[in-house]
Amino acid sequence: MDQKGIDRINELARKAKTEGLTEWEMEERAVLRRAYIDSVLGSLKSQLDNTYLVDEKGNKEKLKKKGE
């Protein structure tokens, strides 16, 4: 998500606290929030996919998903 989207989320949050949101603005906020969450989760997944555990002997082992 780009900075413009984050700024719009913050703008809607401020407006919700002060004067309330219209139905359309609540829908827009929900869509923007979902996009932000998906962006953060995608970034985290990418980071974890490139994470290795190093044992005491110096051997690298790729981090595995739970249950593998």
N, C-alpha and C. Protein backbone atom coordinates (compact mmCIF):
# COMPACT_ATOMS: atom_id res chain seq x y z
N MET A 1 0.85 -1.17 0.00
CA MET A 1 0.00 0.00 0.00
C MET A 1 0.90 1.23 0.00
N ASP A 2 0.49 2.22 -0.75
CA ASP A 2 1.27 3.44 -0.85
C ASP A 2 0.89 4.43 0.26
N GLN A 3 1.69 5.46 0.37
CA GLN A 3 1.48 6.47 1.42
C GLN A 3 0.15 7.18 1.26
N LYS A 4 -0.30 7.35 0.03
CA LYS A 4 -1.57 8.03 -0.23
C LYS A 4 -2.73 7.25 0.41
N GLY A 5 -2.70 5.93 0.30
CA GLY A 5 -3.74 5.09 0.90
C GLY A 5 -3.71 5.17 2.42
N ILE A 6 -2.52 5.16 3.00
CA ILE A 6 -2.39 5.26 4.46
C ILE A 6 -2.88 6.61 4.95
N ASP A 7 -2.55 7.65 4.21
CA ASP A 7 -3.03 8.99 4.58
C ASP A 7 -4.56 9.06 4.55
N ARG A 8 -5.15 8.41 3.55
CA ARG A 8 -6.62 8.42 3.45
C ARG A 8 -7.24 7.64 4.62
N ILE A 9 -6.64 6.52 5.02
CA ILE A 9 -7.14 5.77 6.18
C ILE A 9 -7.10 6.66 7.42
N ASN A 10 -6.00 7.37 7.61
CA ASN A 10 -5.87 8.26 8.77
C ASN A 10 -6.87 9.40 8.72
N GLU A 11 -7.09 9.93 7.54
CA GLU A 11 -8.07 11.01 7.37
C GLU A 11 -9.48 10.52 7.75
N LEU A 12 -9.83 9.34 7.29
CA LEU A 12 -11.14 8.78 7.62
C LEU A 12 -11.25 8.47 9.11
N ALA A 13 -10.17 8.04 9.73
CA ALA A 13 -10.19 7.75 11.17
C ALA A 13 -10.44 9.03 11.96
N ARG A 14 -9.77 10.11 11.57
CA ARG A 14 -9.99 11.39 12.26
C ARG A 14 -11.43 11.87 12.08
N LYS A 15 -11.94 11.73 10.88
CA LYS A 15 -13.31 12.17 10.60
C LYS A 15 -14.32 11.33 11.38
N ALA A 16 -14.05 10.03 11.51
CA ALA A 16 -14.96 9.15 12.25
C ALA A 16 -15.04 9.56 13.71
N LYS A 17 -13.92 10.01 14.27
CA LYS A 17 -13.90 10.43 15.67
C LYS A 17 -14.60 11.76 15.90
N THR A 18 -14.52 12.65 14.93
CA THR A 18 -15.06 14.00 15.13
C THR A 18 -16.50 14.14 14.68
N GLU A 19 -16.80 13.80 13.44
CA GLU A 19 -18.14 14.06 12.93
C GLU A 19 -18.88 12.84 12.42
N GLY A 20 -18.21 11.71 12.34
CA GLY A 20 -18.85 10.50 11.84
C GLY A 20 -18.64 10.34 10.33
N LEU A 21 -18.90 9.14 9.86
CA LEU A 21 -18.69 8.82 8.45
C LEU A 21 -20.01 8.50 7.77
N THR A 22 -20.04 8.78 6.47
CA THR A 22 -21.20 8.37 5.68
C THR A 22 -21.05 6.88 5.38
N GLU A 23 -22.09 6.29 4.86
CA GLU A 23 -22.06 4.86 4.52
C GLU A 23 -20.97 4.59 3.48
N TRP A 24 -20.86 5.47 2.49
CA TRP A 24 -19.86 5.30 1.45
C TRP A 24 -18.45 5.39 2.04
N GLU A 25 -18.23 6.30 2.96
CA GLU A 25 -16.91 6.45 3.58
C GLU A 25 -16.57 5.24 4.46
N MET A 26 -17.58 4.66 5.11
CA MET A 26 -17.32 3.45 5.91
C MET A 26 -16.91 2.29 5.01
N GLU A 27 -17.54 2.18 3.84
CA GLU A 27 -17.16 1.13 2.89
C GLU A 27 -15.75 1.36 2.36
N GLU A 28 -15.45 2.63 2.04
CA GLU A 28 -14.11 2.97 1.57
C GLU A 28 -13.06 2.64 2.62
N ARG A 29 -13.36 2.97 3.88
CA ARG A 29 -12.44 2.69 4.98
C ARG A 29 -12.20 1.19 5.11
N ALA A 30 -13.27 0.40 4.99
CA ALA A 30 -13.13 -1.06 5.10
C ALA A 30 -12.25 -1.62 3.98
N VAL A 31 -12.43 -1.13 2.77
CA VAL A 31 -11.62 -1.59 1.63
C VAL A 31 -10.16 -1.20 1.83
N LEU A 32 -9.92 0.03 2.26
CA LEU A 32 -8.55 0.49 2.48
C LEU A 32 -7.87 -0.28 3.61
N ARG A 33 -8.62 -0.54 4.67
CA ARG A 33 -8.05 -1.30 5.79
C ARG A 33 -7.68 -2.71 5.34
N ARG A 34 -8.56 -3.35 4.55
CA ARG A 34 -8.28 -4.71 4.08
C ARG A 34 -7.03 -4.71 3.20
N ALA A 35 -6.89 -3.70 2.33
CA ALA A 35 -5.71 -3.61 1.47
C ALA A 35 -4.45 -3.42 2.31
N TYR A 36 -4.54 -2.61 3.37
CA TYR A 36 -3.39 -2.39 4.25
C TYR A 36 -3.00 -3.68 4.97
N ILE A 37 -3.98 -4.37 5.50
CA ILE A 37 -3.70 -5.63 6.21
C ILE A 37 -3.09 -6.65 5.26
N ASP A 38 -3.64 -6.76 4.05
CA ASP A 38 -3.08 -7.70 3.07
C ASP A 38 -1.65 -7.34 2.72
N SER A 39 -1.36 -6.05 2.63
CA SER A 39 0.00 -5.59 2.33
C SER A 39 0.96 -5.98 3.45
N VAL A 40 0.56 -5.76 4.69
CA VAL A 40 1.41 -6.09 5.83
C VAL A 40 1.62 -7.59 5.92
N LEU A 41 0.56 -8.37 5.74
CA LEU A 41 0.69 -9.83 5.81
C LEU A 41 1.57 -10.36 4.69
N GLY A 42 1.45 -9.79 3.50
CA GLY A 42 2.29 -10.21 2.38
C GLY A 42 3.76 -9.93 2.65
N SER A 43 4.03 -8.78 3.23
CA SER A 43 5.40 -8.42 3.57
C SER A 43 5.97 -9.36 4.63
N LEU A 44 5.16 -9.65 5.63
CA LEU A 44 5.60 -10.56 6.69
C LEU A 44 5.85 -11.96 6.15
N LYS A 45 4.95 -12.44 5.29
CA LYS A 45 5.12 -13.77 4.71
C LYS A 45 6.40 -13.84 3.89
N SER A 46 6.66 -12.80 3.12
CA SER A 46 7.88 -12.75 2.32
C SER A 46 9.12 -12.79 3.20
N GLN A 47 9.07 -12.04 4.29
CA GLN A 47 10.21 -12.01 5.21
C GLN A 47 10.43 -13.38 5.85
N LEU A 48 9.35 -14.03 6.26
CA LEU A 48 9.47 -15.34 6.89
C LEU A 48 9.92 -16.40 5.89
N ASP A 49 9.53 -16.27 4.62
CA ASP A 49 9.96 -17.22 3.59
C ASP A 49 11.46 -17.15 3.37
N ASN A 50 12.08 -16.05 3.72
CA ASN A 50 13.52 -15.88 3.53
C ASN A 50 14.28 -15.90 4.86
N THR A 51 13.71 -16.56 5.86
CA THR A 51 14.33 -16.64 7.17
C THR A 51 14.94 -18.03 7.37
N TYR A 52 16.14 -18.05 7.89
CA TYR A 52 16.84 -19.31 8.16
C TYR A 52 17.19 -19.38 9.64
N LEU A 53 17.16 -20.60 10.17
CA LEU A 53 17.60 -20.85 11.54
C LEU A 53 19.02 -21.40 11.46
N VAL A 54 19.88 -20.93 12.33
CA VAL A 54 21.26 -21.39 12.37
C VAL A 54 21.48 -22.12 13.68
N ASP A 55 21.91 -23.40 13.58
CA ASP A 55 22.15 -24.16 14.80
C ASP A 55 23.53 -23.86 15.36
N GLU A 56 23.88 -24.52 16.47
CA GLU A 56 25.15 -24.24 17.14
C GLU A 56 26.36 -24.63 16.30
N LYS A 57 26.20 -25.48 15.29
CA LYS A 57 27.30 -25.88 14.41
C LYS A 57 27.43 -24.94 13.21
N GLY A 58 26.51 -23.99 13.09
CA GLY A 58 26.57 -23.05 11.98
C GLY A 58 25.79 -23.48 10.75
N ASN A 59 25.05 -24.58 10.87
CA ASN A 59 24.25 -25.06 9.75
C ASN A 59 22.98 -24.23 9.61
N LYS A 60 22.69 -23.83 8.38
CA LYS A 60 21.48 -23.05 8.12
C LYS A 60 20.35 -24.00 7.73
N GLU A 61 19.18 -23.73 8.28
CA GLU A 61 18.00 -24.52 7.94
C GLU A 61 16.84 -23.55 7.68
N LYS A 62 16.19 -23.74 6.54
CA LYS A 62 15.09 -22.85 6.18
C LYS A 62 13.97 -22.99 7.19
N LEU A 63 13.39 -21.87 7.57
CA LEU A 63 12.26 -21.86 8.49
C LEU A 63 11.09 -22.58 7.85
N LYS A 64 10.49 -23.51 8.57
CA LYS A 64 9.40 -24.32 8.02
C LYS A 64 8.06 -23.84 8.58
N LYS A 65 7.02 -24.09 7.80
CA LYS A 65 5.67 -23.77 8.27
C LYS A 65 5.30 -24.73 9.37
N LYS A 66 4.43 -24.27 10.26
CA LYS A 66 3.99 -25.10 11.35
C LYS A 66 3.33 -26.36 10.81
N GLY A 67 3.71 -27.52 11.33
CA GLY A 67 3.13 -28.78 10.90
C GLY A 67 3.92 -29.49 9.83
N GLU A 68 4.98 -28.87 9.32
CA GLU A 68 5.80 -29.54 8.29
C GLU A 68 6.84 -30.42 8.93
